[in-house]
C-alpha atoms as a PDB file:
ATOM      1  CA  MET A   1       0.000   0.000   0.000  1.00  0.00           C
ATOM      2  CA  ARG A   2       2.845   2.391   0.865  1.00  0.00           C
ATOM      3  CA  LYS A   3       4.523   1.731  -2.501  1.00  0.00           C
ATOM      4  CA  LEU A   4       1.278   2.544  -4.295  1.00  0.00           C
ATOM      5  CA  PHE A   5       0.985   5.789  -2.322  1.00  0.00           C
ATOM      6  CA  LEU A   6       4.520   6.760  -3.340  1.00  0.00           C
ATOM      7  CA  LEU A   7       3.972   5.827  -6.992  1.00  0.00           C
ATOM      8  CA  ALA A   8       0.707   7.772  -7.387  1.00  0.00           C
ATOM      9  CA  PRO A   9       2.348  11.234  -7.826  1.00  0.00           C
ATOM     10  CA  LEU A  10       4.807   9.769 -10.345  1.00  0.00           C
ATOM     11  CA  ILE A  11       2.008   8.168 -12.351  1.00  0.00           C
ATOM     12  CA  ILE A  12      -0.030  11.387 -12.325  1.00  0.00           C
ATOM     13  CA  PHE A  13       3.025  13.368 -13.456  1.00  0.00           C
ATOM     14  CA  MET A  14       3.770  10.905 -16.275  1.00  0.00           C
ATOM     15  CA  LEU A  15       0.181  11.020 -17.501  1.00  0.00           C
ATOM     16  CA  GLY A  16       0.218  14.823 -17.503  1.00  0.00           C
ATOM     17  CA  ALA A  17       3.617  15.025 -19.221  1.00  0.00           C
ATOM     18  CA  SER A  18       2.614  12.595 -21.938  1.00  0.00           C
ATOM     19  CA  GLY A  19       0.176  15.097 -23.403  1.00  0.00           C
ATOM     20  CA  ILE A  20      -3.096  14.561 -25.146  1.00  0.00           C
ATOM     21  CA  PRO A  21      -2.966  12.477 -28.299  1.00  0.00           C
ATOM     22  CA  ALA A  22      -3.575  14.775 -31.254  1.00  0.00           C
ATOM     23  CA  ASP A  23      -6.633  12.836 -32.402  1.00  0.00           C
ATOM     24  CA  LYS A  24      -8.216  13.167 -28.918  1.00  0.00           C
ATOM     25  CA  ALA A  25      -7.459  16.864 -28.484  1.00  0.00           C
ATOM     26  CA  THR A  26     -10.359  19.212 -27.990  1.00  0.00           C
ATOM     27  CA  PRO A  27     -10.241  22.978 -28.307  1.00  0.00           C
ATOM     28  CA  ALA A  28      -9.313  24.660 -25.025  1.00  0.00           C
ATOM     29  CA  ARG A  29     -11.390  27.406 -23.457  1.00  0.00           C
ATOM     30  CA  ASN A  30     -10.333  30.310 -21.282  1.00  0.00           C
ATOM     31  CA  THR A  31     -12.345  31.924 -18.504  1.00  0.00           C
ATOM     32  CA  ASN A  32     -14.162  34.117 -21.048  1.00  0.00           C
ATOM     33  CA  ASN A  33     -15.337  30.923 -22.773  1.00  0.00           C
ATOM     34  CA  GLN A  34     -13.273  31.755 -25.866  1.00  0.00           C
ATOM     35  CA  THR A  35     -12.233  28.684 -27.839  1.00  0.00           C
ATOM     36  CA  TYR A  36      -8.573  28.225 -28.692  1.00  0.00           C
ATOM     37  CA  SER A  37      -8.235  25.862 -31.626  1.00  0.00           C
ATOM     38  CA  VAL A  38      -4.826  24.460 -32.511  1.00  0.00           C
ATOM     39  CA  GLU A  39      -6.208  23.309 -35.849  1.00  0.00           C
ATOM     40  CA  LYS A  40      -7.296  26.846 -36.727  1.00  0.00           C
ATOM     41  CA  ALA A  41      -3.933  28.301 -35.664  1.00  0.00           C
ATOM     42  CA  LEU A  42      -2.021  25.759 -37.772  1.00  0.00           C
ATOM     43  CA  ASP A  43      -4.360  26.284 -40.747  1.00  0.00           C
ATOM     44  CA  ASP A  44      -3.881  30.064 -40.501  1.00  0.00           C
ATOM     45  CA  ILE A  45      -0.094  29.649 -40.432  1.00  0.00           C
ATOM     46  CA  LYS A  46      -0.180  27.227 -43.371  1.00  0.00           C
ATOM     47  CA  SER A  47      -2.393  29.539 -45.414  1.00  0.00           C
ATOM     48  CA  ALA A  48      -0.320  32.670 -44.753  1.00  0.00           C
ATOM     49  CA  TYR A  49       2.965  30.839 -45.350  1.00  0.00           C
ATOM     50  CA  GLU A  50       1.889  29.236 -48.631  1.00  0.00           C
ATOM     51  CA  ALA A  51       0.541  32.604 -49.822  1.00  0.00           C
ATOM     52  CA  ARG A  52       3.970  34.066 -48.909  1.00  0.00           C
ATOM     53  CA  SER A  53       2.172  36.846 -47.052  1.00  0.00           C
ATOM     54  CA  LEU A  54       4.637  38.489 -44.692  1.00  0.00           C
ATOM     55  CA  PRO A  55       2.009  40.736 -43.007  1.00  0.00           C
ATOM     56  CA  ARG A  56      -0.310  37.768 -42.334  1.00  0.00           C
ATOM     57  CA  MET A  57       2.552  35.613 -41.031  1.00  0.00           C
ATOM     58  CA  MET A  58       3.734  38.353 -38.690  1.00  0.00           C
ATOM     59  CA  SER A  59       0.185  38.898 -37.406  1.00  0.00           C
ATOM     60  CA  LEU A  60       0.186  35.245 -36.277  1.00  0.00           C
ATOM     61  CA  LEU A  61       3.279  35.739 -34.090  1.00  0.00           C
ATOM     62  CA  ASP A  62       2.951  36.967 -30.538  1.00  0.00           C
ATOM     63  CA  ASN A  63       4.534  40.368 -29.845  1.00  0.00           C
ATOM     64  CA  ASP A  64       6.787  38.653 -27.287  1.00  0.00           C
ATOM     65  CA  TYR A  65       8.117  36.127 -29.818  1.00  0.00           C
ATOM     66  CA  GLN A  66      11.864  36.023 -29.163  1.00  0.00           C
ATOM     67  CA  GLY A  67      13.739  37.283 -32.224  1.00  0.00           C
ATOM     68  CA  TRP A  68      10.610  38.783 -33.793  1.00  0.00           C
ATOM     69  CA  LEU A  69      12.616  41.237 -35.953  1.00  0.00           C
ATOM     70  CA  SER A  70      15.121  38.632 -37.143  1.00  0.00           C
ATOM     71  CA  PHE A  71      12.247  36.214 -37.874  1.00  0.00           C
ATOM     72  CA  LYS A  72      10.598  38.905 -39.980  1.00  0.00           C
ATOM     73  CA  ALA A  73      13.805  39.718 -41.891  1.00  0.00           C
ATOM     74  CA  SER A  74      14.620  36.038 -42.502  1.00  0.00           C
ATOM     75  CA  LEU A  75      11.090  35.268 -43.641  1.00  0.00           C
ATOM     76  CA  GLU A  76      11.068  38.250 -45.991  1.00  0.00           C
ATOM     77  CA  ASP A  77      14.353  37.101 -47.574  1.00  0.00           C
ATOM     78  CA  TYR A  78      13.078  33.539 -47.825  1.00  0.00           C
ATOM     79  CA  PHE A  79       9.828  34.597 -49.535  1.00  0.00           C
ATOM     80  CA  LEU A  80      11.813  36.574 -52.124  1.00  0.00           C
ATOM     81  CA  GLY A  81      13.823  33.475 -53.034  1.00  0.00           C
ATOM     82  CA  VAL A  82      10.958  31.054 -53.684  1.00  0.00           C
ATOM     83  CA  LYS A  83       8.262  30.745 -56.313  1.00  0.00           C
ATOM     84  CA  GLU A  84       6.082  28.166 -54.639  1.00  0.00           C
ATOM     85  CA  LEU A  85       5.704  26.712 -51.131  1.00  0.00           C
ATOM     86  CA  GLN A  86       3.616  23.936 -49.680  1.00  0.00           C
ATOM     87  CA  VAL A  87       3.735  22.823 -46.057  1.00  0.00           C
ATOM     88  CA  ARG A  88       1.859  20.117 -44.191  1.00  0.00           C
ATOM     89  CA  PHE A  89       1.667  19.799 -40.406  1.00  0.00           C
ATOM     90  CA  ILE A  90       0.959  16.492 -38.667  1.00  0.00           C
ATOM     91  CA  LYS A  91       0.197  16.858 -34.958  1.00  0.00           C
ATOM     92  CA  ASP A  92       1.655  14.336 -32.530  1.00  0.00           C
ATOM     93  CA  ALA A  93       0.502  15.758 -29.187  1.00  0.00           C
ATOM     94  CA  VAL A  94      -1.152  18.835 -27.725  1.00  0.00           C
ATOM     95  CA  LEU A  95      -0.480  20.075 -24.195  1.00  0.00           C
ATOM     96  CA  ASN A  96      -2.828  22.706 -22.828  1.00  0.00           C
ATOM     97  CA  GLY A  97      -1.645  25.038 -20.079  1.00  0.00           C
ATOM     98  CA  HIS A  98      -3.180  28.074 -18.424  1.00  0.00           C
ATOM     99  CA  SER A  99      -1.755  30.697 -20.792  1.00  0.00           C
ATOM    100  CA  LEU A 100       0.204  28.588 -23.296  1.00  0.00           C
ATOM    101  CA  MET A 101      -0.582  25.667 -25.573  1.00  0.00           C
ATOM    102  CA  SER A 102       2.151  23.374 -26.893  1.00  0.00           C
ATOM    103  CA  VAL A 103       1.898  21.319 -30.071  1.00  0.00           C
ATOM    104  CA  ARG A 104       4.436  18.665 -31.002  1.00  0.00           C
ATOM    105  CA  LEU A 105       4.313  18.035 -34.718  1.00  0.00           C
ATOM    106  CA  HIS A 106       6.049  16.774 -37.811  1.00  0.00           C
ATOM    107  CA  TRP A 107       6.109  18.925 -40.911  1.00  0.00           C
ATOM    108  CA  TYR A 108       6.730  18.274 -44.575  1.00  0.00           C
ATOM    109  CA  LYS A 109       7.518  21.044 -47.018  1.00  0.00           C
ATOM    110  CA  THR A 110       8.029  21.268 -50.766  1.00  0.00           C
ATOM    111  CA  VAL A 111       9.684  24.294 -52.290  1.00  0.00           C
ATOM    112  CA  ILE A 112      10.325  25.526 -55.810  1.00  0.00           C
ATOM    113  CA  ASN A 113      12.891  28.303 -55.742  1.00  0.00           C
ATOM    114  CA  ASN A 114      13.255  31.105 -58.282  1.00  0.00           C
ATOM    115  CA  ALA A 115      15.707  29.004 -60.324  1.00  0.00           C
ATOM    116  CA  GLY A 116      13.039  26.284 -60.657  1.00  0.00           C
ATOM    117  CA  VAL A 117      14.757  23.794 -58.332  1.00  0.00           C
ATOM    118  CA  PHE A 118      12.316  21.524 -56.480  1.00  0.00           C
ATOM    119  CA  THR A 119      13.185  20.536 -52.890  1.00  0.00           C
ATOM    120  CA  LYS A 120      11.492  18.378 -50.244  1.00  0.00           C
ATOM    121  CA  ILE A 121      12.235  19.120 -46.598  1.00  0.00           C
ATOM    122  CA  GLU A 122      10.894  17.574 -43.405  1.00  0.00           C
ATOM    123  CA  GLY A 123      11.391  17.982 -39.696  1.00  0.00           C
ATOM    124  CA  SER A 124       9.809  17.911 -36.288  1.00  0.00           C
ATOM    125  CA  SER A 125       9.025  20.866 -34.071  1.00  0.00           C
ATOM    126  CA  GLN A 126       7.279  22.002 -30.982  1.00  0.00           C
ATOM    127  CA  PHE A 127       5.152  25.085 -31.535  1.00  0.00           C
ATOM    128  CA  VAL A 128       4.221  26.941 -28.371  1.00  0.00           C
ATOM    129  CA  PHE A 129       1.231  29.245 -28.692  1.00  0.00           C
ATOM    130  CA  LYS A 130       0.218  32.020 -26.320  1.00  0.00           C
ATOM    131  CA  LYS A 131      -3.485  32.396 -25.606  1.00  0.00           C
ATOM    132  CA  THR A 132      -4.515  35.964 -26.417  1.00  0.00           C
ATOM    133  CA  GLN A 133      -7.799  37.826 -26.930  1.00  0.00           C
ATOM    134  CA  GLY A 134      -7.201  37.441 -30.670  1.00  0.00           C
ATOM    135  CA  GLY A 135      -6.756  33.662 -30.414  1.00  0.00           C
ATOM    136  CA  LEU A 136      -3.575  31.593 -30.385  1.00  0.00           C
ATOM    137  CA  LYS A 137      -0.377  33.435 -31.350  1.00  0.00           C
ATOM    138  CA  LEU A 138       2.893  31.633 -32.063  1.00  0.00           C
ATOM    139  CA  TYR A 139       5.125  32.320 -29.056  1.00  0.00           C
ATOM    140  CA  TYR A 140       8.200  30.229 -29.906  1.00  0.00           C
ATOM    141  CA  ILE A 141       9.430  27.248 -31.897  1.00  0.00           C
ATOM    142  CA  ARG A 142      11.656  24.485 -30.580  1.00  0.00           C
ATOM    143  CA  GLN A 143      13.692  22.093 -32.719  1.00  0.00           C
ATOM    144  CA  ASP A 144      13.382  22.421 -36.512  1.00  0.00           C
ATOM    145  CA  ASN A 145      11.981  25.683 -37.848  1.00  0.00           C
ATOM    146  CA  PRO A 146       9.853  24.890 -40.915  1.00  0.00           C
ATOM    147  CA  PHE A 147       9.736  28.460 -42.171  1.00  0.00           C
ATOM    148  CA  PHE A 148      13.283  29.018 -43.491  1.00  0.00           C
END
């Protein structure tokens, strides 16, 4: 019985740290009953990125995104060098916190640059979103950055 009592906090921690499987994730709500949808946030990013719209992409980043100015400059340079972009996000897990939401995902990207060279790129990332009045805003990216 004592061993079970000692293992209970560890089991609870492991269950919480494992996250919610992406296919079981439900939109999170804040105290104002506003829905935060990871799917919508990822779709908005995908749409803005594939349209190569710098203003739309920057509007999806939180103002506190570390390296906001360098992200903007790098993205602007990248958009100038490509003719066509396609990106696909596959969610692995979603963790919902009080003010942040974390999404572990794999991404696949195809690019045709201005010289006509076709490239396939893939990686895995953790996107952390901040919950704001305007919805989820990208707060930071860990691991592989799919945008450059």
